[in-house]
Amino acid sequence: MNRVYVCSCFGITETQVKEHAAAGACTPRQIASASKAGTDCGSCVRRIQSLLGRGGCPRRELLDRGASALAELDVPEGAAPPALREAA
């Protein structure tokens, strides 16, 4: 198995970043919350940004259309975590 590490500090691979992105993490900060990647030396943040790219993020697509990020994700407004509420 070929592992390409994005974050050497915490041993986070490209595959893990992509899995977190598929689960809804759309920004390097959200990847950091999910995996700690980018929270130590910070040298991986640009690589994380490039892996996230522009698109493929359901919440970003909703915001680009002017919709609430929570509206189409079946998350009641009061039940969303604070970070998600702020993004909406």
PDB file of N, CA and C in Angstrom:
ATOM      1  N   MET A   1       0.844  -1.183   0.000  1.00  0.00           N
ATOM      2  CA  MET A   1       0.000   0.000   0.000  1.00  0.00           C
ATOM      3  C   MET A   1       0.884   1.239   0.000  1.00  0.00           C
ATOM      4  N   ASN A   2       0.629   2.144  -0.929  1.00  0.00           N
ATOM      5  CA  ASN A   2       1.402   3.367  -1.063  1.00  0.00           C
ATOM      6  C   ASN A   2       0.700   4.493  -0.326  1.00  0.00           C
ATOM      7  N   ARG A   3       1.313   4.981   0.730  1.00  0.00           N
ATOM      8  CA  ARG A   3       0.727   6.076   1.514  1.00  0.00           C
ATOM      9  C   ARG A   3       1.472   7.359   1.226  1.00  0.00           C
ATOM     10  N   VAL A   4       0.748   8.360   0.839  1.00  0.00           N
ATOM     11  CA  VAL A   4       1.338   9.671   0.616  1.00  0.00           C
ATOM     12  C   VAL A   4       0.908  10.546   1.789  1.00  0.00           C
ATOM     13  N   TYR A   5       1.883  10.921   2.605  1.00  0.00           N
ATOM     14  CA  TYR A   5       1.584  11.718   3.783  1.00  0.00           C
ATOM     15  C   TYR A   5       1.476  13.196   3.429  1.00  0.00           C
ATOM     16  N   VAL A   6       0.425  13.811   3.935  1.00  0.00           N
ATOM     17  CA  VAL A   6       0.215  15.240   3.776  1.00  0.00           C
ATOM     18  C   VAL A   6       0.762  15.945   5.010  1.00  0.00           C
ATOM     19  N   CYS A   7       0.451  15.417   6.161  1.00  0.00           N
ATOM     20  CA  CYS A   7       0.868  15.992   7.442  1.00  0.00           C
ATOM     21  C   CYS A   7       1.802  15.009   8.152  1.00  0.00           C
ATOM     22  N   SER A   8       3.072  15.332   8.146  1.00  0.00           N
ATOM     23  CA  SER A   8       4.054  14.475   8.804  1.00  0.00           C
ATOM     24  C   SER A   8       3.938  14.551  10.324  1.00  0.00           C
ATOM     25  N   CYS A   9       3.530  15.689  10.834  1.00  0.00           N
ATOM     26  CA  CYS A   9       3.429  15.870  12.285  1.00  0.00           C
ATOM     27  C   CYS A   9       2.448  14.883  12.910  1.00  0.00           C
ATOM     28  N   PHE A  10       1.326  14.632  12.235  1.00  0.00           N
ATOM     29  CA  PHE A  10       0.293  13.760  12.785  1.00  0.00           C
ATOM     30  C   PHE A  10       0.043  12.512  11.941  1.00  0.00           C
ATOM     31  N   GLY A  11       0.859  12.298  10.913  1.00  0.00           N
ATOM     32  CA  GLY A  11       0.741  11.093  10.103  1.00  0.00           C
ATOM     33  C   GLY A  11      -0.554  11.007   9.311  1.00  0.00           C
ATOM     34  N   ILE A  12      -1.019  12.127   8.777  1.00  0.00           N
ATOM     35  CA  ILE A  12      -2.275  12.171   8.027  1.00  0.00           C
ATOM     36  C   ILE A  12      -1.967  12.030   6.536  1.00  0.00           C
ATOM     37  N   THR A  13      -2.647  11.106   5.892  1.00  0.00           N
ATOM     38  CA  THR A  13      -2.396  10.831   4.479  1.00  0.00           C
ATOM     39  C   THR A  13      -3.362  11.585   3.569  1.00  0.00           C
ATOM     40  N   GLU A  14      -3.032  11.602   2.279  1.00  0.00           N
ATOM     41  CA  GLU A  14      -3.926  12.191   1.282  1.00  0.00           C
ATOM     42  C   GLU A  14      -5.287  11.515   1.333  1.00  0.00           C
ATOM     43  N   THR A  15      -5.272  10.201   1.465  1.00  0.00           N
ATOM     44  CA  THR A  15      -6.528   9.444   1.520  1.00  0.00           C
ATOM     45  C   THR A  15      -7.384   9.897   2.686  1.00  0.00           C
ATOM     46  N   GLN A  16      -6.777  10.112   3.843  1.00  0.00           N
ATOM     47  CA  GLN A  16      -7.542  10.562   5.007  1.00  0.00           C
ATOM     48  C   GLN A  16      -8.121  11.953   4.785  1.00  0.00           C
ATOM     49  N   VAL A  17      -7.345  12.850   4.192  1.00  0.00           N
ATOM     50  CA  VAL A  17      -7.849  14.196   3.906  1.00  0.00           C
ATOM     51  C   VAL A  17      -9.042  14.097   2.956  1.00  0.00           C
ATOM     52  N   LYS A  18      -8.910  13.286   1.925  1.00  0.00           N
ATOM     53  CA  LYS A  18      -9.999  13.121   0.964  1.00  0.00           C
ATOM     54  C   LYS A  18     -11.235  12.501   1.612  1.00  0.00           C
ATOM     55  N   GLU A  19     -11.036  11.574   2.548  1.00  0.00           N
ATOM     56  CA  GLU A  19     -12.178  10.978   3.259  1.00  0.00           C
ATOM     57  C   GLU A  19     -12.889  12.023   4.107  1.00  0.00           C
ATOM     58  N   HIS A  20     -12.119  12.868   4.799  1.00  0.00           N
ATOM     59  CA  HIS A  20     -12.736  13.936   5.602  1.00  0.00           C
ATOM     60  C   HIS A  20     -13.471  14.917   4.700  1.00  0.00           C
ATOM     61  N   ALA A  21     -12.897  15.213   3.543  1.00  0.00           N
ATOM     62  CA  ALA A  21     -13.556  16.115   2.592  1.00  0.00           C
ATOM     63  C   ALA A  21     -14.864  15.504   2.098  1.00  0.00           C
ATOM     64  N   ALA A  22     -14.843  14.208   1.816  1.00  0.00           N
ATOM     65  CA  ALA A  22     -16.063  13.524   1.356  1.00  0.00           C
ATOM     66  C   ALA A  22     -17.132  13.524   2.440  1.00  0.00           C
ATOM     67  N   ALA A  23     -16.693  13.569   3.700  1.00  0.00           N
ATOM     68  CA  ALA A  23     -17.630  13.598   4.822  1.00  0.00           C
ATOM     69  C   ALA A  23     -18.131  15.007   5.125  1.00  0.00           C
ATOM     70  N   GLY A  24     -17.620  16.014   4.386  1.00  0.00           N
ATOM     71  CA  GLY A  24     -18.150  17.361   4.553  1.00  0.00           C
ATOM     72  C   GLY A  24     -17.164  18.429   4.976  1.00  0.00           C
ATOM     73  N   ALA A  25     -15.913  18.065   5.249  1.00  0.00           N
ATOM     74  CA  ALA A  25     -14.917  19.082   5.606  1.00  0.00           C
ATOM     75  C   ALA A  25     -14.499  19.811   4.344  1.00  0.00           C
ATOM     76  N   CYS A  26     -14.742  21.113   4.293  1.00  0.00           N
ATOM     77  CA  CYS A  26     -14.543  21.886   3.069  1.00  0.00           C
ATOM     78  C   CYS A  26     -13.356  22.840   3.130  1.00  0.00           C
ATOM     79  N   THR A  27     -12.780  23.023   4.293  1.00  0.00           N
ATOM     80  CA  THR A  27     -11.695  23.981   4.450  1.00  0.00           C
ATOM     81  C   THR A  27     -10.554  23.336   5.224  1.00  0.00           C
ATOM     82  N   PRO A  28      -9.352  23.877   5.112  1.00  0.00           N
ATOM     83  CA  PRO A  28      -8.250  23.353   5.914  1.00  0.00           C
ATOM     84  C   PRO A  28      -8.559  23.377   7.412  1.00  0.00           C
ATOM     85  N   ARG A  29      -9.287  24.387   7.858  1.00  0.00           N
ATOM     86  CA  ARG A  29      -9.640  24.460   9.282  1.00  0.00           C
ATOM     87  C   ARG A  29     -10.550  23.292   9.678  1.00  0.00           C
ATOM     88  N   GLN A  30     -11.482  22.927   8.809  1.00  0.00           N
ATOM     89  CA  GLN A  30     -12.365  21.800   9.099  1.00  0.00           C
ATOM     90  C   GLN A  30     -11.599  20.480   9.044  1.00  0.00           C
ATOM     91  N   ILE A  31     -10.628  20.384   8.138  1.00  0.00           N
ATOM     92  CA  ILE A  31      -9.760  19.202   8.102  1.00  0.00           C
ATOM     93  C   ILE A  31      -8.968  19.129   9.406  1.00  0.00           C
ATOM     94  N   ALA A  32      -8.471  20.269   9.878  1.00  0.00           N
ATOM     95  CA  ALA A  32      -7.719  20.320  11.135  1.00  0.00           C
ATOM     96  C   ALA A  32      -8.586  19.878  12.304  1.00  0.00           C
ATOM     97  N   SER A  33      -9.840  20.299  12.316  1.00  0.00           N
ATOM     98  CA  SER A  33     -10.754  19.894  13.393  1.00  0.00           C
ATOM     99  C   SER A  33     -10.993  18.390  13.381  1.00  0.00           C
ATOM    100  N   ALA A  34     -11.035  17.817  12.193  1.00  0.00           N
ATOM    101  CA  ALA A  34     -11.317  16.393  12.064  1.00  0.00           C
ATOM    102  C   ALA A  34     -10.084  15.527  12.298  1.00  0.00           C
ATOM    103  N   SER A  35      -8.880  16.053  11.993  1.00  0.00           N
ATOM    104  CA  SER A  35      -7.708  15.175  12.011  1.00  0.00           C
ATOM    105  C   SER A  35      -6.466  15.757  12.677  1.00  0.00           C
ATOM    106  N   LYS A  36      -6.474  17.017  13.046  1.00  0.00           N
ATOM    107  CA  LYS A  36      -5.326  17.755  13.584  1.00  0.00           C
ATOM    108  C   LYS A  36      -4.316  18.157  12.516  1.00  0.00           C
ATOM    109  N   ALA A  37      -4.496  17.709  11.274  1.00  0.00           N
ATOM    110  CA  ALA A  37      -3.563  18.079  10.205  1.00  0.00           C
ATOM    111  C   ALA A  37      -3.514  19.591  10.057  1.00  0.00           C
ATOM    112  N   GLY A  38      -2.323  20.131  10.009  1.00  0.00           N
ATOM    113  CA  GLY A  38      -2.145  21.565   9.844  1.00  0.00           C
ATOM    114  C   GLY A  38      -2.102  22.352  11.128  1.00  0.00           C
ATOM    115  N   THR A  39      -2.197  21.682  12.268  1.00  0.00           N
ATOM    116  CA  THR A  39      -2.256  22.415  13.538  1.00  0.00           C
ATOM    117  C   THR A  39      -0.926  22.487  14.268  1.00  0.00           C
ATOM    118  N   ASP A  40       0.117  21.847  13.741  1.00  0.00           N
ATOM    119  CA  ASP A  40       1.411  21.911  14.420  1.00  0.00           C
ATOM    120  C   ASP A  40       2.326  22.878  13.676  1.00  0.00           C
ATOM    121  N   CYS A  41       3.086  22.409  12.716  1.00  0.00           N
ATOM    122  CA  CYS A  41       4.027  23.298  12.024  1.00  0.00           C
ATOM    123  C   CYS A  41       3.358  24.088  10.909  1.00  0.00           C
ATOM    124  N   GLY A  42       2.240  23.588  10.367  1.00  0.00           N
ATOM    125  CA  GLY A  42       1.491  24.312   9.349  1.00  0.00           C
ATOM    126  C   GLY A  42       2.002  24.151   7.927  1.00  0.00           C
ATOM    127  N   SER A  43       3.072  23.392   7.730  1.00  0.00           N
ATOM    128  CA  SER A  43       3.628  23.278   6.381  1.00  0.00           C
ATOM    129  C   SER A  43       2.728  22.505   5.419  1.00  0.00           C
ATOM    130  N   CYS A  44       1.734  21.805   5.928  1.00  0.00           N
ATOM    131  CA  CYS A  44       0.854  21.004   5.066  1.00  0.00           C
ATOM    132  C   CYS A  44      -0.416  21.742   4.638  1.00  0.00           C
ATOM    133  N   VAL A  45      -0.647  22.917   5.154  1.00  0.00           N
ATOM    134  CA  VAL A  45      -1.912  23.613   4.894  1.00  0.00           C
ATOM    135  C   VAL A  45      -2.123  23.877   3.405  1.00  0.00           C
ATOM    136  N   ARG A  46      -1.087  24.289   2.701  1.00  0.00           N
ATOM    137  CA  ARG A  46      -1.245  24.536   1.257  1.00  0.00           C
ATOM    138  C   ARG A  46      -1.551  23.253   0.505  1.00  0.00           C
ATOM    139  N   ARG A  47      -0.946  22.156   0.915  1.00  0.00           N
ATOM    140  CA  ARG A  47      -1.236  20.869   0.264  1.00  0.00           C
ATOM    141  C   ARG A  47      -2.683  20.466   0.535  1.00  0.00           C
ATOM    142  N   ILE A  48      -3.147  20.678   1.749  1.00  0.00           N
ATOM    143  CA  ILE A  48      -4.542  20.378   2.084  1.00  0.00           C
ATOM    144  C   ILE A  48      -5.465  21.231   1.223  1.00  0.00           C
ATOM    145  N   GLN A  49      -5.142  22.511   1.084  1.00  0.00           N
ATOM    146  CA  GLN A  49      -5.953  23.396   0.239  1.00  0.00           C
ATOM    147  C   GLN A  49      -6.016  22.873  -1.189  1.00  0.00           C
ATOM    148  N   SER A  50      -4.898  22.409  -1.710  1.00  0.00           N
ATOM    149  CA  SER A  50      -4.901  21.914  -3.085  1.00  0.00           C
ATOM    150  C   SER A  50      -5.687  20.621  -3.214  1.00  0.00           C
ATOM    151  N   LEU A  51      -5.667  19.777  -2.183  1.00  0.00           N
ATOM    152  CA  LEU A  51      -6.461  18.547  -2.218  1.00  0.00           C
ATOM    153  C   LEU A  51      -7.953  18.854  -2.159  1.00  0.00           C
ATOM    154  N   LEU A  52      -8.318  19.864  -1.397  1.00  0.00           N
ATOM    155  CA  LEU A  52      -9.727  20.238  -1.304  1.00  0.00           C
ATOM    156  C   LEU A  52     -10.212  20.862  -2.596  1.00  0.00           C
ATOM    157  N   GLY A  53      -9.329  21.573  -3.267  1.00  0.00           N
ATOM    158  CA  GLY A  53      -9.681  22.180  -4.544  1.00  0.00           C
ATOM    159  C   GLY A  53     -10.839  23.148  -4.432  1.00  0.00           C
ATOM    160  N   ARG A  54     -11.506  23.310  -5.534  1.00  0.00           N
ATOM    161  CA  ARG A  54     -12.643  24.236  -5.584  1.00  0.00           C
ATOM    162  C   ARG A  54     -13.828  23.453  -6.119  1.00  0.00           C
ATOM    163  N   GLY A  55     -14.661  23.001  -5.251  1.00  0.00           N
ATOM    164  CA  GLY A  55     -15.807  22.211  -5.687  1.00  0.00           C
ATOM    165  C   GLY A  55     -15.822  20.865  -4.997  1.00  0.00           C
ATOM    166  N   GLY A  56     -16.882  20.139  -5.194  1.00  0.00           N
ATOM    167  CA  GLY A  56     -17.012  18.840  -4.557  1.00  0.00           C
ATOM    168  C   GLY A  56     -17.421  18.921  -3.102  1.00  0.00           C
ATOM    169  N   CYS A  57     -17.692  20.122  -2.633  1.00  0.00           N
ATOM    170  CA  CYS A  57     -18.089  20.309  -1.245  1.00  0.00           C
ATOM    171  C   CYS A  57     -19.568  20.666  -1.219  1.00  0.00           C
ATOM    172  N   PRO A  58     -20.404  19.796  -0.684  1.00  0.00           N
ATOM    173  CA  PRO A  58     -21.841  20.069  -0.695  1.00  0.00           C
ATOM    174  C   PRO A  58     -22.206  21.395  -0.047  1.00  0.00           C
ATOM    175  N   ARG A  59     -21.592  21.736   1.090  1.00  0.00           N
ATOM    176  CA  ARG A  59     -21.933  22.994   1.754  1.00  0.00           C
ATOM    177  C   ARG A  59     -21.481  24.180   0.926  1.00  0.00           C
ATOM    178  N   ARG A  60     -20.293  24.102   0.303  1.00  0.00           N
ATOM    179  CA  ARG A  60     -19.816  25.209  -0.520  1.00  0.00           C
ATOM    180  C   ARG A  60     -20.737  25.401  -1.720  1.00  0.00           C
ATOM    181  N   GLU A  61     -21.190  24.301  -2.315  1.00  0.00           N
ATOM    182  CA  GLU A  61     -22.085  24.395  -3.462  1.00  0.00           C
ATOM    183  C   GLU A  61     -23.400  25.065  -3.070  1.00  0.00           C
ATOM    184  N   LEU A  62     -23.917  24.753  -1.884  1.00  0.00           N
ATOM    185  CA  LEU A  62     -25.143  25.391  -1.408  1.00  0.00           C
ATOM    186  C   LEU A  62     -24.928  26.889  -1.210  1.00  0.00           C
ATOM    187  N   LEU A  63     -23.811  27.244  -0.595  1.00  0.00           N
ATOM    188  CA  LEU A  63     -23.530  28.655  -0.350  1.00  0.00           C
ATOM    189  C   LEU A  63     -23.337  29.415  -1.652  1.00  0.00           C
ATOM    190  N   ASP A  64     -22.683  28.781  -2.636  1.00  0.00           N
ATOM    191  CA  ASP A  64     -22.499  29.425  -3.934  1.00  0.00           C
ATOM    192  C   ASP A  64     -23.830  29.712  -4.614  1.00  0.00           C
ATOM    193  N   ARG A  65     -24.832  28.888  -4.334  1.00  0.00           N
ATOM    194  CA  ARG A  65     -26.162  29.090  -4.916  1.00  0.00           C
ATOM    195  C   ARG A  65     -26.999  30.052  -4.078  1.00  0.00           C
ATOM    196  N   GLY A  66     -26.473  30.498  -2.942  1.00  0.00           N
ATOM    197  CA  GLY A  66     -27.192  31.427  -2.088  1.00  0.00           C
ATOM    198  C   GLY A  66     -28.124  30.756  -1.094  1.00  0.00           C
ATOM    199  N   ALA A  67     -28.043  29.426  -0.976  1.00  0.00           N
ATOM    200  CA  ALA A  67     -28.891  28.696  -0.036  1.00  0.00           C
ATOM    201  C   ALA A  67     -28.187  28.554   1.304  1.00  0.00           C
ATOM    202  N   SER A  68     -28.957  28.292   2.338  1.00  0.00           N
ATOM    203  CA  SER A  68     -28.386  28.004   3.638  1.00  0.00           C
ATOM    204  C   SER A  68     -27.614  26.698   3.558  1.00  0.00           C
ATOM    205  N   ALA A  69     -26.447  26.674   4.160  1.00  0.00           N
ATOM    206  CA  ALA A  69     -25.636  25.460   4.148  1.00  0.00           C
ATOM    207  C   ALA A  69     -26.299  24.332   4.920  1.00  0.00           C
ATOM    208  N   LEU A  70     -27.237  24.662   5.788  1.00  0.00           N
ATOM    209  CA  LEU A  70     -27.910  23.640   6.586  1.00  0.00           C
ATOM    210  C   LEU A  70     -29.197  23.165   5.931  1.00  0.00           C
ATOM    211  N   ALA A  71     -29.745  23.950   5.039  1.00  0.00           N
ATOM    212  CA  ALA A  71     -31.077  23.699   4.502  1.00  0.00           C
ATOM    213  C   ALA A  71     -31.228  22.328   3.847  1.00  0.00           C
ATOM    214  N   GLU A  72     -30.308  21.974   2.973  1.00  0.00           N
ATOM    215  CA  GLU A  72     -30.462  20.742   2.213  1.00  0.00           C
ATOM    216  C   GLU A  72     -29.715  19.563   2.822  1.00  0.00           C
ATOM    217  N   LEU A  73     -29.124  19.758   3.982  1.00  0.00           N
ATOM    218  CA  LEU A  73     -28.370  18.681   4.611  1.00  0.00           C
ATOM    219  C   LEU A  73     -29.148  18.006   5.736  1.00  0.00           C
ATOM    220  N   ASP A  74     -30.435  18.312   5.865  1.00  0.00           N
ATOM    221  CA  ASP A  74     -31.294  17.716   6.880  1.00  0.00           C
ATOM    222  C   ASP A  74     -30.737  17.890   8.293  1.00  0.00           C
ATOM    223  N   VAL A  75     -30.187  19.055   8.564  1.00  0.00           N
ATOM    224  CA  VAL A  75     -29.672  19.369   9.891  1.00  0.00           C
ATOM    225  C   VAL A  75     -30.545  20.471  10.464  1.00  0.00           C
ATOM    226  N   PRO A  76     -31.305  20.190  11.522  1.00  0.00           N
ATOM    227  CA  PRO A  76     -32.104  21.259  12.131  1.00  0.00           C
ATOM    228  C   PRO A  76     -31.194  22.383  12.604  1.00  0.00           C
ATOM    229  N   GLU A  77     -31.596  23.601  12.392  1.00  0.00           N
ATOM    230  CA  GLU A  77     -30.771  24.772  12.693  1.00  0.00           C
ATOM    231  C   GLU A  77     -30.174  24.737  14.099  1.00  0.00           C
ATOM    232  N   GLY A  78     -30.937  24.415  15.108  1.00  0.00           N
ATOM    233  CA  GLY A  78     -30.439  24.399  16.480  1.00  0.00           C
ATOM    234  C   GLY A  78     -29.577  23.203  16.812  1.00  0.00           C
ATOM    235  N   ALA A  79     -29.614  22.148  15.997  1.00  0.00           N
ATOM    236  CA  ALA A  79     -28.864  20.926  16.284  1.00  0.00           C
ATOM    237  C   ALA A  79     -27.480  20.925  15.668  1.00  0.00           C
ATOM    238  N   ALA A  80     -27.198  21.867  14.805  1.00  0.00           N
ATOM    239  CA  ALA A  80     -25.900  21.900  14.139  1.00  0.00           C
ATOM    240  C   ALA A  80     -24.823  22.360  15.113  1.00  0.00           C
ATOM    241  N   PRO A  81     -23.607  21.825  14.965  1.00  0.00           N
ATOM    242  CA  PRO A  81     -22.498  22.304  15.796  1.00  0.00           C
ATOM    243  C   PRO A  81     -22.246  23.772  15.501  1.00  0.00           C
ATOM    244  N   PRO A  82     -21.696  24.526  16.461  1.00  0.00           N
ATOM    245  CA  PRO A  82     -21.482  25.963  16.274  1.00  0.00           C
ATOM    246  C   PRO A  82     -20.703  26.311  15.013  1.00  0.00           C
ATOM    247  N   ALA A  83     -19.666  25.564  14.682  1.00  0.00           N
ATOM    248  CA  ALA A  83     -18.875  25.858  13.481  1.00  0.00           C
ATOM    249  C   ALA A  83     -19.726  25.746  12.226  1.00  0.00           C
ATOM    250  N   LEU A  84     -20.643  24.792  12.204  1.00  0.00           N
ATOM    251  CA  LEU A  84     -21.501  24.607  11.056  1.00  0.00           C
ATOM    252  C   LEU A  84     -22.547  25.716  10.976  1.00  0.00           C
ATOM    253  N   ARG A  85     -23.038  26.143  12.144  1.00  0.00           N
ATOM    254  CA  ARG A  85     -24.010  27.232  12.164  1.00  0.00           C
ATOM    255  C   ARG A  85     -23.371  28.519  11.648  1.00  0.00           C
ATOM    256  N   GLU A  86     -22.089  28.768  12.035  1.00  0.00           N
ATOM    257  CA  GLU A  86     -21.390  29.972  11.584  1.00  0.00           C
ATOM    258  C   GLU A  86     -21.180  29.948  10.089  1.00  0.00           C
ATOM    259  N   ALA A  87     -20.950  28.761   9.516  1.00  0.00           N
ATOM    260  CA  ALA A  87     -20.727  28.637   8.067  1.00  0.00           C
ATOM    261  C   ALA A  87     -21.994  28.922   7.294  1.00  0.00           C
ATOM    262  N   ALA A  88     -23.140  28.693   7.916  1.00  0.00           N
ATOM    263  CA  ALA A  88     -24.413  28.930   7.247  1.00  0.00           C
ATOM    264  C   ALA A  88     -24.694  30.387   7.283  1.00  0.00           C
TER     265      ALA A  88
END
